[in-house]
Amino acid sequence: SRVLRLEDLDTSNGPDLKVWITDATVKPGKDGWDVFDDGAHLSLGTLKGNKGSHNYPLPANADLEKYTSVSIWCDRFNVSFGAAQLARA
């Protein structure tokens, strides 16, 4: 099986937060708040917690070559609460 591991996450709590893998480039500050729903993205489900380390199963059929970043996405306000480039282990 394949998983996305978020380690030492520390983000604000918010309504309807999801974990997405995306093809968007991570941009600093407000420039990066709304770019993650512009292209390809795949929801891995609801954020398990806004602090700590958590695993999110990746679908077996997901083409991981096209995804380059992960975003904590707020569906209610269509904004990212944080993002990072993906690192493959």
PDB file of N, CA and C in Angstrom:
ATOM      1  N   SER A   1       0.834  -1.184   0.000  1.00  0.00           N
ATOM      2  CA  SER A   1       0.000   0.000   0.000  1.00  0.00           C
ATOM      3  C   SER A   1       0.879   1.248   0.000  1.00  0.00           C
ATOM      4  N   ARG A   2       0.298   2.359  -0.418  1.00  0.00           N
ATOM      5  CA  ARG A   2       1.015   3.633  -0.467  1.00  0.00           C
ATOM      6  C   ARG A   2       0.294   4.626   0.434  1.00  0.00           C
ATOM      7  N   VAL A   3       1.070   5.462   1.104  1.00  0.00           N
ATOM      8  CA  VAL A   3       0.473   6.458   1.987  1.00  0.00           C
ATOM      9  C   VAL A   3       1.183   7.795   1.829  1.00  0.00           C
ATOM     10  N   LEU A   4       0.438   8.845   2.108  1.00  0.00           N
ATOM     11  CA  LEU A   4       1.009  10.173   2.263  1.00  0.00           C
ATOM     12  C   LEU A   4       1.173  10.371   3.755  1.00  0.00           C
ATOM     13  N   ARG A   5       2.367  10.730   4.180  1.00  0.00           N
ATOM     14  CA  ARG A   5       2.621  10.980   5.596  1.00  0.00           C
ATOM     15  C   ARG A   5       2.870  12.463   5.802  1.00  0.00           C
ATOM     16  N   LEU A   6       2.050  13.068   6.645  1.00  0.00           N
ATOM     17  CA  LEU A   6       2.271  14.450   7.069  1.00  0.00           C
ATOM     18  C   LEU A   6       2.969  14.387   8.425  1.00  0.00           C
ATOM     19  N   GLU A   7       4.165  14.951   8.504  1.00  0.00           N
ATOM     20  CA  GLU A   7       4.935  14.896   9.749  1.00  0.00           C
ATOM     21  C   GLU A   7       5.030  16.274  10.376  1.00  0.00           C
ATOM     22  N   ASP A   8       4.789  16.303  11.677  1.00  0.00           N
ATOM     23  CA  ASP A   8       4.915  17.528  12.473  1.00  0.00           C
ATOM     24  C   ASP A   8       4.076  18.675  11.913  1.00  0.00           C
ATOM     25  N   LEU A   9       2.873  18.349  11.463  1.00  0.00           N
ATOM     26  CA  LEU A   9       1.957  19.366  10.941  1.00  0.00           C
ATOM     27  C   LEU A   9       1.573  20.331  12.056  1.00  0.00           C
ATOM     28  N   ASP A  10       1.504  21.596  11.733  1.00  0.00           N
ATOM     29  CA  ASP A  10       1.058  22.623  12.673  1.00  0.00           C
ATOM     30  C   ASP A  10       0.381  23.721  11.864  1.00  0.00           C
ATOM     31  N   THR A  11      -0.934  23.625  11.727  1.00  0.00           N
ATOM     32  CA  THR A  11      -1.698  24.597  10.951  1.00  0.00           C
ATOM     33  C   THR A  11      -2.913  25.037  11.746  1.00  0.00           C
ATOM     34  N   SER A  12      -3.542  26.096  11.300  1.00  0.00           N
ATOM     35  CA  SER A  12      -4.766  26.574  11.942  1.00  0.00           C
ATOM     36  C   SER A  12      -5.876  25.554  11.766  1.00  0.00           C
ATOM     37  N   ASN A  13      -6.789  25.531  12.715  1.00  0.00           N
ATOM     38  CA  ASN A  13      -7.978  24.713  12.578  1.00  0.00           C
ATOM     39  C   ASN A  13      -8.977  25.497  11.730  1.00  0.00           C
ATOM     40  N   GLY A  14      -9.814  24.806  11.030  1.00  0.00           N
ATOM     41  CA  GLY A  14     -10.786  25.488  10.184  1.00  0.00           C
ATOM     42  C   GLY A  14     -11.919  24.562   9.807  1.00  0.00           C
ATOM     43  N   PRO A  15     -12.921  25.104   9.144  1.00  0.00           N
ATOM     44  CA  PRO A  15     -14.063  24.292   8.749  1.00  0.00           C
ATOM     45  C   PRO A  15     -13.769  23.486   7.482  1.00  0.00           C
ATOM     46  N   ASP A  16     -14.179  22.251   7.486  1.00  0.00           N
ATOM     47  CA  ASP A  16     -14.168  21.420   6.278  1.00  0.00           C
ATOM     48  C   ASP A  16     -12.793  21.313   5.629  1.00  0.00           C
ATOM     49  N   LEU A  17     -11.768  20.999   6.429  1.00  0.00           N
ATOM     50  CA  LEU A  17     -10.407  20.875   5.907  1.00  0.00           C
ATOM     51  C   LEU A  17     -10.176  19.487   5.324  1.00  0.00           C
ATOM     52  N   LYS A  18      -9.592  19.461   4.133  1.00  0.00           N
ATOM     53  CA  LYS A  18      -9.277  18.225   3.413  1.00  0.00           C
ATOM     54  C   LYS A  18      -7.780  18.179   3.121  1.00  0.00           C
ATOM     55  N   VAL A  19      -7.292  16.989   2.858  1.00  0.00           N
ATOM     56  CA  VAL A  19      -5.906  16.806   2.419  1.00  0.00           C
ATOM     57  C   VAL A  19      -5.956  16.493   0.935  1.00  0.00           C
ATOM     58  N   TRP A  20      -5.295  17.333   0.147  1.00  0.00           N
ATOM     59  CA  TRP A  20      -5.253  17.170  -1.309  1.00  0.00           C
ATOM     60  C   TRP A  20      -3.820  16.983  -1.760  1.00  0.00           C
ATOM     61  N   ILE A  21      -3.618  16.121  -2.748  1.00  0.00           N
ATOM     62  CA  ILE A  21      -2.382  16.153  -3.513  1.00  0.00           C
ATOM     63  C   ILE A  21      -2.735  16.815  -4.837  1.00  0.00           C
ATOM     64  N   THR A  22      -1.812  17.659  -5.339  1.00  0.00           N
ATOM     65  CA  THR A  22      -2.127  18.498  -6.494  1.00  0.00           C
ATOM     66  C   THR A  22      -0.933  18.594  -7.441  1.00  0.00           C
ATOM     67  N   ASP A  23      -1.195  19.195  -8.598  1.00  0.00           N
ATOM     68  CA  ASP A  23      -0.111  19.451  -9.553  1.00  0.00           C
ATOM     69  C   ASP A  23       0.358  20.908  -9.488  1.00  0.00           C
ATOM     70  N   ALA A  24      -0.121  21.670  -8.496  1.00  0.00           N
ATOM     71  CA  ALA A  24       0.208  23.090  -8.381  1.00  0.00           C
ATOM     72  C   ALA A  24       1.582  23.300  -7.743  1.00  0.00           C
ATOM     73  N   THR A  25       2.193  24.409  -8.112  1.00  0.00           N
ATOM     74  CA  THR A  25       3.446  24.827  -7.498  1.00  0.00           C
ATOM     75  C   THR A  25       3.131  25.547  -6.198  1.00  0.00           C
ATOM     76  N   VAL A  26       3.880  25.232  -5.148  1.00  0.00           N
ATOM     77  CA  VAL A  26       3.698  25.904  -3.865  1.00  0.00           C
ATOM     78  C   VAL A  26       4.267  27.315  -3.969  1.00  0.00           C
ATOM     79  N   LYS A  27       3.432  28.301  -3.609  1.00  0.00           N
ATOM     80  CA  LYS A  27       3.842  29.707  -3.624  1.00  0.00           C
ATOM     81  C   LYS A  27       3.757  30.248  -2.202  1.00  0.00           C
ATOM     82  N   PRO A  28       4.696  31.108  -1.814  1.00  0.00           N
ATOM     83  CA  PRO A  28       4.668  31.648  -0.452  1.00  0.00           C
ATOM     84  C   PRO A  28       3.560  32.684  -0.259  1.00  0.00           C
ATOM     85  N   GLY A  29       3.095  32.796   0.972  1.00  0.00           N
ATOM     86  CA  GLY A  29       2.141  33.832   1.345  1.00  0.00           C
ATOM     87  C   GLY A  29       0.795  33.716   0.658  1.00  0.00           C
ATOM     88  N   LYS A  30       0.125  34.849   0.543  1.00  0.00           N
ATOM     89  CA  LYS A  30      -1.228  34.893  -0.020  1.00  0.00           C
ATOM     90  C   LYS A  30      -1.282  34.471  -1.484  1.00  0.00           C
ATOM     91  N   ASP A  31      -0.155  34.553  -2.197  1.00  0.00           N
ATOM     92  CA  ASP A  31      -0.117  34.128  -3.604  1.00  0.00           C
ATOM     93  C   ASP A  31      -0.460  32.648  -3.756  1.00  0.00           C
ATOM     94  N   GLY A  32      -0.250  31.869  -2.713  1.00  0.00           N
ATOM     95  CA  GLY A  32      -0.497  30.438  -2.775  1.00  0.00           C
ATOM     96  C   GLY A  32      -1.813  29.987  -2.185  1.00  0.00           C
ATOM     97  N   TRP A  33      -2.641  30.903  -1.731  1.00  0.00           N
ATOM     98  CA  TRP A  33      -3.869  30.523  -1.052  1.00  0.00           C
ATOM     99  C   TRP A  33      -4.889  29.839  -1.949  1.00  0.00           C
ATOM    100  N   ASP A  34      -4.966  30.205  -3.218  1.00  0.00           N
ATOM    101  CA  ASP A  34      -6.068  29.688  -4.030  1.00  0.00           C
ATOM    102  C   ASP A  34      -5.632  29.005  -5.318  1.00  0.00           C
ATOM    103  N   VAL A  35      -4.394  28.536  -5.391  1.00  0.00           N
ATOM    104  CA  VAL A  35      -3.902  27.938  -6.645  1.00  0.00           C
ATOM    105  C   VAL A  35      -4.156  26.438  -6.751  1.00  0.00           C
ATOM    106  N   PHE A  36      -4.485  25.773  -5.674  1.00  0.00           N
ATOM    107  CA  PHE A  36      -4.476  24.311  -5.668  1.00  0.00           C
ATOM    108  C   PHE A  36      -5.694  23.667  -6.324  1.00  0.00           C
ATOM    109  N   ASP A  37      -6.751  24.420  -6.546  1.00  0.00           N
ATOM    110  CA  ASP A  37      -7.913  23.855  -7.242  1.00  0.00           C
ATOM    111  C   ASP A  37      -7.944  24.246  -8.712  1.00  0.00           C
ATOM    112  N   ASP A  38      -6.869  24.866  -9.219  1.00  0.00           N
ATOM    113  CA  ASP A  38      -6.811  25.288 -10.610  1.00  0.00           C
ATOM    114  C   ASP A  38      -6.520  24.141 -11.574  1.00  0.00           C
ATOM    115  N   GLY A  39      -5.791  23.145 -11.125  1.00  0.00           N
ATOM    116  CA  GLY A  39      -5.392  22.037 -11.994  1.00  0.00           C
ATOM    117  C   GLY A  39      -5.836  20.708 -11.419  1.00  0.00           C
ATOM    118  N   ALA A  40      -5.007  19.702 -11.629  1.00  0.00           N
ATOM    119  CA  ALA A  40      -5.316  18.361 -11.125  1.00  0.00           C
ATOM    120  C   ALA A  40      -5.141  18.315  -9.615  1.00  0.00           C
ATOM    121  N   HIS A  41      -6.117  17.730  -8.935  1.00  0.00           N
ATOM    122  CA  HIS A  41      -6.009  17.515  -7.501  1.00  0.00           C
ATOM    123  C   HIS A  41      -6.811  16.270  -7.132  1.00  0.00           C
ATOM    124  N   LEU A  42      -6.377  15.642  -6.064  1.00  0.00           N
ATOM    125  CA  LEU A  42      -7.009  14.420  -5.589  1.00  0.00           C
ATOM    126  C   LEU A  42      -7.189  14.535  -4.085  1.00  0.00           C
ATOM    127  N   SER A  43      -8.419  14.433  -3.621  1.00  0.00           N
ATOM    128  CA  SER A  43      -8.690  14.518  -2.190  1.00  0.00           C
ATOM    129  C   SER A  43      -8.384  13.175  -1.528  1.00  0.00           C
ATOM    130  N   LEU A  44      -7.645  13.248  -0.433  1.00  0.00           N
ATOM    131  CA  LEU A  44      -7.340  12.053   0.355  1.00  0.00           C
ATOM    132  C   LEU A  44      -8.225  11.967   1.593  1.00  0.00           C
ATOM    133  N   GLY A  45      -9.181  12.873   1.692  1.00  0.00           N
ATOM    134  CA  GLY A  45     -10.135  12.823   2.797  1.00  0.00           C
ATOM    135  C   GLY A  45      -9.988  13.988   3.753  1.00  0.00           C
ATOM    136  N   THR A  46     -10.725  13.906   4.828  1.00  0.00           N
ATOM    137  CA  THR A  46     -10.763  14.940   5.852  1.00  0.00           C
ATOM    138  C   THR A  46      -9.460  14.957   6.648  1.00  0.00           C
ATOM    139  N   LEU A  47      -8.977  16.154   6.973  1.00  0.00           N
ATOM    140  CA  LEU A  47      -7.784  16.297   7.802  1.00  0.00           C
ATOM    141  C   LEU A  47      -8.039  15.659   9.157  1.00  0.00           C
ATOM    142  N   LYS A  48      -7.155  14.778   9.584  1.00  0.00           N
ATOM    143  CA  LYS A  48      -7.327  14.038  10.839  1.00  0.00           C
ATOM    144  C   LYS A  48      -7.056  14.905  12.060  1.00  0.00           C
ATOM    145  N   GLY A  49      -6.212  15.895  11.921  1.00  0.00           N
ATOM    146  CA  GLY A  49      -5.894  16.801  13.019  1.00  0.00           C
ATOM    147  C   GLY A  49      -4.980  17.895  12.511  1.00  0.00           C
ATOM    148  N   ASN A  50      -5.061  19.074  13.107  1.00  0.00           N
ATOM    149  CA  ASN A  50      -4.262  20.191  12.607  1.00  0.00           C
ATOM    150  C   ASN A  50      -2.869  20.258  13.245  1.00  0.00           C
ATOM    151  N   LYS A  51      -2.568  19.321  14.134  1.00  0.00           N
ATOM    152  CA  LYS A  51      -1.244  19.244  14.742  1.00  0.00           C
ATOM    153  C   LYS A  51      -0.811  17.779  14.805  1.00  0.00           C
ATOM    154  N   GLY A  52       0.485  17.536  14.592  1.00  0.00           N
ATOM    155  CA  GLY A  52       1.008  16.176  14.721  1.00  0.00           C
ATOM    156  C   GLY A  52       1.291  15.522  13.386  1.00  0.00           C
ATOM    157  N   SER A  53       1.451  14.208  13.438  1.00  0.00           N
ATOM    158  CA  SER A  53       1.789  13.415  12.252  1.00  0.00           C
ATOM    159  C   SER A  53       0.667  12.430  11.963  1.00  0.00           C
ATOM    160  N   HIS A  54       0.315  12.304  10.681  1.00  0.00           N
ATOM    161  CA  HIS A  54      -0.799  11.448  10.277  1.00  0.00           C
ATOM    162  C   HIS A  54      -0.515  10.824   8.921  1.00  0.00           C
ATOM    163  N   ASN A  55      -1.095   9.642   8.696  1.00  0.00           N
ATOM    164  CA  ASN A  55      -0.998   8.946   7.410  1.00  0.00           C
ATOM    165  C   ASN A  55      -2.330   9.024   6.682  1.00  0.00           C
ATOM    166  N   TYR A  56      -2.248   9.168   5.349  1.00  0.00           N
ATOM    167  CA  TYR A  56      -3.423   9.187   4.484  1.00  0.00           C
ATOM    168  C   TYR A  56      -3.198   8.182   3.365  1.00  0.00           C
ATOM    169  N   PRO A  57      -4.039   7.157   3.276  1.00  0.00           N
ATOM    170  CA  PRO A  57      -3.873   6.160   2.204  1.00  0.00           C
ATOM    171  C   PRO A  57      -4.008   6.805   0.825  1.00  0.00           C
ATOM    172  N   LEU A  58      -3.151   6.394  -0.090  1.00  0.00           N
ATOM    173  CA  LEU A  58      -3.209   6.834  -1.479  1.00  0.00           C
ATOM    174  C   LEU A  58      -3.902   5.753  -2.303  1.00  0.00           C
ATOM    175  N   PRO A  59      -4.840   6.126  -3.148  1.00  0.00           N
ATOM    176  CA  PRO A  59      -5.517   5.127  -3.983  1.00  0.00           C
ATOM    177  C   PRO A  59      -4.514   4.368  -4.854  1.00  0.00           C
ATOM    178  N   ALA A  60      -4.724   3.079  -5.000  1.00  0.00           N
ATOM    179  CA  ALA A  60      -3.810   2.241  -5.790  1.00  0.00           C
ATOM    180  C   ALA A  60      -3.728   2.700  -7.243  1.00  0.00           C
ATOM    181  N   ASN A  61      -4.806   3.261  -7.765  1.00  0.00           N
ATOM    182  CA  ASN A  61      -4.822   3.662  -9.175  1.00  0.00           C
ATOM    183  C   ASN A  61      -4.393   5.109  -9.400  1.00  0.00           C
ATOM    184  N   ALA A  62      -3.972   5.826  -8.349  1.00  0.00           N
ATOM    185  CA  ALA A  62      -3.556   7.224  -8.495  1.00  0.00           C
ATOM    186  C   ALA A  62      -2.208   7.302  -9.209  1.00  0.00           C
ATOM    187  N   ASP A  63      -2.144   8.123 -10.240  1.00  0.00           N
ATOM    188  CA  ASP A  63      -0.896   8.366 -10.975  1.00  0.00           C
ATOM    189  C   ASP A  63      -0.095   9.418 -10.219  1.00  0.00           C
ATOM    190  N   LEU A  64       0.792   8.983  -9.350  1.00  0.00           N
ATOM    191  CA  LEU A  64       1.517   9.895  -8.478  1.00  0.00           C
ATOM    192  C   LEU A  64       2.551  10.740  -9.210  1.00  0.00           C
ATOM    193  N   GLU A  65       2.861  10.403 -10.439  1.00  0.00           N
ATOM    194  CA  GLU A  65       3.829  11.193 -11.213  1.00  0.00           C
ATOM    195  C   GLU A  65       3.295  12.585 -11.545  1.00  0.00           C
ATOM    196  N   LYS A  66       1.974  12.750 -11.601  1.00  0.00           N
ATOM    197  CA  LYS A  66       1.431  14.058 -11.981  1.00  0.00           C
ATOM    198  C   LYS A  66       1.209  14.992 -10.795  1.00  0.00           C
ATOM    199  N   TYR A  67       1.365  14.502  -9.571  1.00  0.00           N
ATOM    200  CA  TYR A  67       1.149  15.338  -8.390  1.00  0.00           C
ATOM    201  C   TYR A  67       2.485  15.771  -7.800  1.00  0.00           C
ATOM    202  N   THR A  68       2.602  17.051  -7.479  1.00  0.00           N
ATOM    203  CA  THR A  68       3.872  17.597  -7.005  1.00  0.00           C
ATOM    204  C   THR A  68       3.781  18.252  -5.630  1.00  0.00           C
ATOM    205  N   SER A  69       2.564  18.444  -5.128  1.00  0.00           N
ATOM    206  CA  SER A  69       2.420  19.145  -3.850  1.00  0.00           C
ATOM    207  C   SER A  69       1.253  18.579  -3.055  1.00  0.00           C
ATOM    208  N   VAL A  70       1.225  18.952  -1.792  1.00  0.00           N
ATOM    209  CA  VAL A  70       0.118  18.594  -0.908  1.00  0.00           C
ATOM    210  C   VAL A  70      -0.421  19.887  -0.314  1.00  0.00           C
ATOM    211  N   SER A  71      -1.742  19.976  -0.181  1.00  0.00           N
ATOM    212  CA  SER A  71      -2.381  21.159   0.383  1.00  0.00           C
ATOM    213  C   SER A  71      -3.399  20.743   1.435  1.00  0.00           C
ATOM    214  N   ILE A  72      -3.471  21.518   2.498  1.00  0.00           N
ATOM    215  CA  ILE A  72      -4.577  21.402   3.449  1.00  0.00           C
ATOM    216  C   ILE A  72      -5.618  22.386   2.925  1.00  0.00           C
ATOM    217  N   TRP A  73      -6.658  21.853   2.330  1.00  0.00           N
ATOM    218  CA  TRP A  73      -7.622  22.651   1.574  1.00  0.00           C
ATOM    219  C   TRP A  73      -8.921  22.822   2.349  1.00  0.00           C
ATOM    220  N   CYS A  74      -9.396  24.065   2.434  1.00  0.00           N
ATOM    221  CA  CYS A  74     -10.674  24.364   3.066  1.00  0.00           C
ATOM    222  C   CYS A  74     -11.750  24.414   1.981  1.00  0.00           C
ATOM    223  N   ASP A  75     -12.603  23.396   1.945  1.00  0.00           N
ATOM    224  CA  ASP A  75     -13.669  23.348   0.944  1.00  0.00           C
ATOM    225  C   ASP A  75     -14.687  24.469   1.133  1.00  0.00           C
ATOM    226  N   ARG A  76     -14.910  24.869   2.349  1.00  0.00           N
ATOM    227  CA  ARG A  76     -15.917  25.893   2.611  1.00  0.00           C
ATOM    228  C   ARG A  76     -15.535  27.250   2.012  1.00  0.00           C
ATOM    229  N   PHE A  77     -14.241  27.626   2.151  1.00  0.00           N
ATOM    230  CA  PHE A  77     -13.806  28.945   1.694  1.00  0.00           C
ATOM    231  C   PHE A  77     -12.906  28.893   0.455  1.00  0.00           C
ATOM    232  N   ASN A  78     -12.665  27.685  -0.077  1.00  0.00           N
ATOM    233  CA  ASN A  78     -11.823  27.508  -1.268  1.00  0.00           C
ATOM    234  C   ASN A  78     -10.464  28.193  -1.120  1.00  0.00           C
ATOM    235  N   VAL A  79      -9.766  27.836  -0.052  1.00  0.00           N
ATOM    236  CA  VAL A  79      -8.456  28.417   0.234  1.00  0.00           C
ATOM    237  C   VAL A  79      -7.578  27.360   0.903  1.00  0.00           C
ATOM    238  N   SER A  80      -6.274  27.469   0.666  1.00  0.00           N
ATOM    239  CA  SER A  80      -5.316  26.555   1.277  1.00  0.00           C
ATOM    240  C   SER A  80      -4.909  27.060   2.655  1.00  0.00           C
ATOM    241  N   PHE A  81      -4.892  26.162   3.625  1.00  0.00           N
ATOM    242  CA  PHE A  81      -4.422  26.493   4.967  1.00  0.00           C
ATOM    243  C   PHE A  81      -2.937  26.186   5.118  1.00  0.00           C
ATOM    244  N   GLY A  82      -2.344  25.622   4.104  1.00  0.00           N
ATOM    245  CA  GLY A  82      -0.911  25.318   4.113  1.00  0.00           C
ATOM    246  C   GLY A  82      -0.607  24.336   3.009  1.00  0.00           C
ATOM    247  N   ALA A  83       0.633  24.336   2.566  1.00  0.00           N
ATOM    248  CA  ALA A  83       1.025  23.454   1.459  1.00  0.00           C
ATOM    249  C   ALA A  83       2.516  23.163   1.530  1.00  0.00           C
ATOM    250  N   ALA A  84       2.903  22.110   0.847  1.00  0.00           N
ATOM    251  CA  ALA A  84       4.317  21.736   0.768  1.00  0.00           C
ATOM    252  C   ALA A  84       4.542  20.933  -0.503  1.00  0.00           C
ATOM    253  N   GLN A  85       5.759  21.005  -1.004  1.00  0.00           N
ATOM    254  CA  GLN A  85       6.145  20.143  -2.133  1.00  0.00           C
ATOM    255  C   GLN A  85       6.176  18.700  -1.631  1.00  0.00           C
ATOM    256  N   LEU A  86       5.784  17.773  -2.465  1.00  0.00           N
ATOM    257  CA  LEU A  86       5.848  16.364  -2.113  1.00  0.00           C
ATOM    258  C   LEU A  86       7.284  15.870  -2.177  1.00  0.00           C
ATOM    259  N   ALA A  87       7.629  15.018  -1.237  1.00  0.00           N
ATOM    260  CA  ALA A  87       8.928  14.349  -1.241  1.00  0.00           C
ATOM    261  C   ALA A  87       8.652  12.852  -1.234  1.00  0.00           C
ATOM    262  N   ARG A  88       9.225  12.155  -2.169  1.00  0.00           N
ATOM    263  CA  ARG A  88       9.004  10.710  -2.250  1.00  0.00           C
ATOM    264  C   ARG A  88      10.041   9.978  -1.421  1.00  0.00           C
ATOM    265  N   ALA A  89       9.576   8.976  -0.693  1.00  0.00           N
ATOM    266  CA  ALA A  89      10.483   8.191   0.155  1.00  0.00           C
ATOM    267  C   ALA A  89      10.797   6.861  -0.511  1.00  0.00           C
TER     268      ALA A  89
END
